[in-house]
């Protein structure tokens, strides 16, 4: 179980916090490295999509984890950070966000945050996981994108302090890091993801490379994968875009 101190490195601007932390991981940086930037010039989301945000408008942070688990458990690393972010948003602004599988936080059906986990392997084994998250604080995203931000939806109408938000996120993440290290802990983490996930029970469209299908999201397994019930039977979704076909 990791129990060290966070090594927080702050930047006015980076190309990508995930890229910075990944490069440091390859140079041997220990677990607990945190990179936070006011602005990213080449921020990335899933499937190499760009993550864009004006300077100072979002919490943009990446965290280096070195869990004792397999690459197949990568979704649970995403889940640990997403759950910590849910707790942090509630503590600083009263916002009750929920998870959307595989890597978003929603509030009122609108996207509040996105998570990107990237694995590093050595000798065929998982050596590190870099988990980045971007939380909309003062800007809900591009016009028409249907996003939300804490300053708009938070209780009390007071601007959210990004440093406080980061501190709360890291505080909520610390105990969950240990859960990644053994099978029993990962089951506990998977169960918490299930409780907080708005995708379960939803009619969904799943978009995969060269294929898409619809069904109902019926379960999340202990590795964090989504189980979708379709007309032809159950499908296990390990990666892909998932669209809710009715409001969460």
Protein backbone atom coordinates (compact mmCIF):
# COMPACT_ATOMS: atom_id res chain seq x y z
CA UNK A 1 0.00 0.00 0.00
CA UNK A 2 1.37 3.40 -0.99
CA UNK A 3 1.52 5.80 1.93
CA UNK A 4 4.06 8.39 0.85
CA UNK A 5 3.75 12.12 0.42
CA UNK A 6 2.45 13.79 -2.71
CA UNK A 7 5.13 15.46 -4.82
CA UNK A 8 3.10 18.32 -6.29
CA UNK A 9 4.69 20.22 -9.18
CA UNK A 10 2.86 23.30 -10.43
CA UNK A 11 3.19 24.85 -13.88
CA UNK A 12 1.76 27.91 -15.56
CA UNK A 13 1.68 25.98 -18.82
CA UNK A 14 2.46 22.47 -20.08
CA UNK A 15 1.74 20.71 -23.32
CA UNK A 16 0.03 17.94 -21.33
CA UNK A 17 0.17 17.02 -17.65
CA UNK A 18 -0.20 13.34 -18.60
CA UNK A 19 2.75 13.55 -20.96
CA UNK A 20 4.89 15.23 -18.30
CA UNK A 21 4.07 12.63 -15.64
CA UNK A 22 4.50 9.74 -18.09
CA UNK A 23 7.97 10.99 -19.02
CA UNK A 24 8.89 11.33 -15.35
CA UNK A 25 7.57 7.81 -14.70
CA UNK A 26 9.84 6.45 -17.43
CA UNK A 27 12.75 8.15 -15.65
CA UNK A 28 11.87 6.31 -12.46
CA UNK A 29 9.77 8.83 -10.53
CA UNK A 30 8.02 7.20 -7.56
CA UNK A 31 4.29 6.98 -7.00
CA UNK A 32 2.74 10.19 -5.73
CA UNK A 33 4.08 12.57 -8.36
CA UNK A 34 1.39 15.15 -9.19
CA UNK A 35 1.58 17.66 -12.05
CA UNK A 36 -0.92 20.51 -12.13
CA UNK A 37 -1.04 23.20 -14.82
CA UNK A 38 -3.01 26.41 -15.29
CA UNK A 39 -3.09 25.72 -19.02
CA UNK A 40 -2.35 22.87 -21.42
CA UNK A 41 -1.38 23.51 -25.02
CA UNK A 42 -1.91 19.90 -26.10
CA UNK A 43 -4.24 18.42 -23.51
CA UNK A 44 -5.62 14.99 -24.42
CA UNK A 45 -8.76 13.06 -23.71
CA UNK A 46 -9.67 9.54 -24.68
CA UNK A 47 -8.91 8.40 -28.24
CA UNK A 48 -6.42 11.29 -28.59
CA UNK A 49 -9.18 13.88 -28.54
CA UNK A 50 -8.07 17.36 -27.57
CA UNK A 51 -8.91 18.72 -24.12
CA UNK A 52 -9.25 22.49 -24.37
CA UNK A 53 -9.72 24.98 -21.58
CA UNK A 54 -8.81 28.67 -21.13
CA UNK A 55 -5.92 29.39 -18.73
CA UNK A 56 -6.98 29.16 -15.11
CA UNK A 57 -10.49 27.89 -15.87
CA UNK A 58 -10.11 24.22 -14.90
CA UNK A 59 -8.26 21.96 -12.53
CA UNK A 60 -5.83 20.15 -14.84
CA UNK A 61 -3.87 17.51 -12.98
CA UNK A 62 -2.14 14.16 -13.56
CA UNK A 63 -1.11 11.69 -10.88
CA UNK A 64 1.45 8.89 -10.98
CA UNK A 65 0.32 5.61 -9.42
CA UNK A 66 2.30 2.39 -9.19
CA UNK A 67 -0.36 -0.10 -8.05
CA UNK A 68 0.30 -3.80 -7.55
CA UNK A 69 -2.24 -4.99 -10.10
CA UNK A 70 -2.57 -6.06 -13.71
CA UNK A 71 -3.09 -3.97 -16.81
CA UNK A 72 -6.62 -5.37 -16.99
CA UNK A 73 -7.43 -3.39 -13.83
CA UNK A 74 -6.71 -0.02 -15.49
CA UNK A 75 -10.39 0.97 -15.29
CA UNK A 76 -10.21 0.81 -11.51
CA UNK A 77 -7.36 3.35 -11.50
CA UNK A 78 -9.67 5.63 -13.49
CA UNK A 79 -12.42 4.85 -11.02
CA UNK A 80 -10.28 5.66 -7.97
CA UNK A 81 -9.45 9.14 -9.25
CA UNK A 82 -13.00 9.77 -10.49
CA UNK A 83 -14.47 8.80 -7.12
CA UNK A 84 -11.99 11.05 -5.32
CA UNK A 85 -13.03 13.89 -7.62
CA UNK A 86 -16.71 13.27 -6.82
CA UNK A 87 -15.90 13.61 -3.12
CA UNK A 88 -13.81 16.74 -3.70
CA UNK A 89 -16.50 18.48 -5.77
CA UNK A 90 -19.09 17.79 -3.09
CA UNK A 91 -16.81 19.08 -0.31
CA UNK A 92 -15.82 22.36 -1.99
CA UNK A 93 -19.05 23.27 -3.79
CA UNK A 94 -21.88 21.01 -2.69
CA UNK A 95 -22.10 19.50 -6.19
CA UNK A 96 -23.20 15.86 -6.28
CA UNK A 97 -21.55 14.52 -9.42
CA UNK A 98 -21.99 10.97 -10.71
CA UNK A 99 -19.83 8.73 -12.87
CA UNK A 100 -20.49 7.98 -16.52
CA UNK A 101 -18.66 4.91 -17.78
CA UNK A 102 -15.84 4.84 -18.72
CA UNK A 103 -14.30 8.15 -17.68
CA UNK A 104 -16.60 11.15 -17.18
CA UNK A 105 -18.18 12.97 -14.25
CA UNK A 106 -21.67 14.32 -14.84
CA UNK A 107 -23.86 16.78 -12.99
CA UNK A 108 -27.46 17.10 -14.10
CA UNK A 109 -26.58 15.07 -17.20
CA UNK A 110 -23.87 17.55 -18.26
CA UNK A 111 -20.16 16.77 -18.36
CA UNK A 112 -18.22 18.23 -15.45
CA UNK A 113 -14.92 16.36 -15.79
CA UNK A 114 -13.04 13.79 -17.83
CA UNK A 115 -10.43 11.26 -16.75
CA UNK A 116 -7.65 9.73 -18.84
CA UNK A 117 -5.59 6.79 -17.51
CA UNK A 118 -2.51 5.61 -19.40
CA UNK A 119 -0.52 2.51 -18.45
CA UNK A 120 3.23 1.98 -18.62
CA UNK A 121 4.55 -1.59 -18.86
CA UNK A 122 7.98 -3.06 -18.17
CA UNK A 123 8.85 -6.65 -18.98
CA UNK A 124 5.21 -7.40 -19.69
CA UNK A 125 4.06 -6.24 -16.26
CA UNK A 126 2.26 -3.06 -15.25
CA UNK A 127 4.91 -0.61 -14.03
CA UNK A 128 2.90 2.59 -13.62
CA UNK A 129 -0.43 4.25 -14.32
CA UNK A 130 -0.72 7.94 -15.11
CA UNK A 131 -4.20 9.24 -14.38
CA UNK A 132 -5.12 12.70 -15.58
CA UNK A 133 -8.30 14.58 -14.80
CA UNK A 134 -9.69 17.87 -16.01
CA UNK A 135 -12.47 19.38 -13.89
CA UNK A 136 -14.40 22.35 -15.27
CA UNK A 137 -14.23 25.02 -12.57
CA UNK A 138 -14.94 28.42 -14.15
CA UNK A 139 -15.74 27.37 -17.73
CA UNK A 140 -18.26 24.72 -18.83
CA UNK A 141 -16.54 23.88 -22.10
CA UNK A 142 -17.10 25.05 -25.67
CA UNK A 143 -20.49 26.52 -26.52
CA UNK A 144 -22.91 23.80 -27.51
CA UNK A 145 -20.89 21.02 -25.91
CA UNK A 146 -23.35 20.58 -23.06
CA UNK A 147 -20.82 20.93 -20.27
CA UNK A 148 -21.09 22.22 -16.71
CA UNK A 149 -18.67 23.91 -14.32
CA UNK A 150 -18.48 24.13 -10.55
CA UNK A 151 -18.74 27.92 -10.40
CA UNK A 152 -22.12 27.75 -12.15
CA UNK A 153 -23.71 24.73 -10.48
CA UNK A 154 -22.12 24.90 -7.02
CA UNK A 155 -24.02 25.87 -3.91
CA UNK A 156 -23.56 29.36 -2.51
CA UNK A 157 -22.46 31.02 -5.74
CA UNK A 158 -18.85 31.42 -4.57
CA UNK A 159 -15.95 30.77 -6.99
CA UNK A 160 -14.21 27.46 -6.33
CA UNK A 161 -10.55 27.61 -5.35
CA UNK A 162 -8.64 25.16 -7.54
CA UNK A 163 -5.94 24.61 -4.91
CA UNK A 164 -8.57 23.63 -2.35
CA UNK A 165 -10.21 21.35 -4.91
CA UNK A 166 -6.87 19.63 -5.61
CA UNK A 167 -6.13 19.19 -1.91
CA UNK A 168 -9.54 17.58 -1.35
CA UNK A 169 -9.10 15.33 -4.38
CA UNK A 170 -5.70 14.08 -3.22
CA UNK A 171 -7.01 13.58 0.30
CA UNK A 172 -9.88 11.45 -1.00
CA UNK A 173 -7.59 9.53 -3.36
CA UNK A 174 -4.98 8.48 -0.79
CA UNK A 175 -7.02 5.71 0.91
CA UNK A 176 -8.25 4.45 -2.46
CA UNK A 177 -4.70 3.97 -3.74
CA UNK A 178 -4.26 1.11 -1.30
CA UNK A 179 -7.41 -0.58 -2.57
CA UNK A 180 -5.76 -1.06 -5.97
CA UNK A 181 -3.03 -3.26 -4.48
CA UNK A 182 -4.98 -6.44 -3.74
CA UNK A 183 -7.99 -8.31 -5.08
CA UNK A 184 -10.20 -7.67 -2.05
CA UNK A 185 -9.49 -3.95 -2.19
CA UNK A 186 -10.21 -3.82 -5.91
CA UNK A 187 -13.58 -5.48 -5.29
CA UNK A 188 -14.39 -2.77 -2.74
CA UNK A 189 -13.40 -0.11 -5.26
CA UNK A 190 -15.45 -1.73 -8.03
CA UNK A 191 -18.50 -1.80 -5.75
CA UNK A 192 -18.13 1.91 -5.02
CA UNK A 193 -17.90 2.61 -8.75
CA UNK A 194 -21.13 0.68 -9.25
CA UNK A 195 -22.92 2.70 -6.57
CA UNK A 196 -21.82 6.02 -8.07
CA UNK A 197 -22.22 5.14 -11.78
CA UNK A 198 -25.19 6.68 -13.59
CA UNK A 199 -24.61 4.46 -16.64
CA UNK A 200 -26.00 1.36 -14.93
CA UNK A 201 -29.62 0.77 -15.87
CA UNK A 202 -29.37 3.11 -18.84
CA UNK A 203 -30.21 2.36 -22.43
CA UNK A 204 -26.87 2.96 -24.17
CA UNK A 205 -25.20 3.06 -27.54
CA UNK A 206 -21.68 1.64 -27.50
CA UNK A 207 -19.33 2.85 -30.22
CA UNK A 208 -16.30 0.66 -30.95
CA UNK A 209 -13.79 0.81 -33.81
CA UNK A 210 -15.75 -0.44 -36.81
CA UNK A 211 -18.84 -1.34 -34.81
CA UNK A 212 -21.59 0.07 -32.68
CA UNK A 213 -24.51 -1.51 -30.86
CA UNK A 214 -27.27 -0.61 -28.43
CA UNK A 215 -28.50 -2.28 -25.28
CA UNK A 216 -28.94 -1.75 -21.57
CA UNK A 217 -26.02 -1.33 -19.18
CA UNK A 218 -26.66 -3.99 -16.54
CA UNK A 219 -23.41 -4.39 -14.59
CA UNK A 220 -19.83 -3.35 -13.97
CA UNK A 221 -17.59 -6.31 -13.22
CA UNK A 222 -14.81 -6.46 -10.64
CA UNK A 223 -12.25 -5.25 -13.21
CA UNK A 224 -14.36 -2.17 -13.92
CA UNK A 225 -15.63 -3.35 -17.31
CA UNK A 226 -19.17 -2.56 -18.46
CA UNK A 227 -21.65 -5.36 -19.17
CA UNK A 228 -24.34 -4.49 -21.72
CA UNK A 229 -27.43 -6.59 -22.36
CA UNK A 230 -28.23 -6.63 -26.08
CA UNK A 231 -30.84 -8.39 -28.19
CA UNK A 232 -28.27 -11.11 -28.94
CA UNK A 233 -26.96 -11.54 -25.40
CA UNK A 234 -24.54 -9.96 -22.94
CA UNK A 235 -21.55 -7.98 -24.21
CA UNK A 236 -18.50 -7.15 -22.10
CA UNK A 237 -17.21 -3.69 -23.00
CA UNK A 238 -13.57 -3.12 -22.05
CA UNK A 239 -13.19 0.15 -23.96
CA UNK A 240 -15.27 2.37 -26.19
CA UNK A 241 -17.55 5.39 -26.25
CA UNK A 242 -20.83 4.98 -24.40
CA UNK A 243 -23.79 7.28 -25.07
CA UNK A 244 -26.73 7.43 -22.67
CA UNK A 245 -29.89 7.18 -24.76
CA UNK A 246 -32.10 8.65 -22.06
CA UNK A 247 -31.31 11.14 -19.31
CA UNK A 248 -29.42 9.79 -16.31
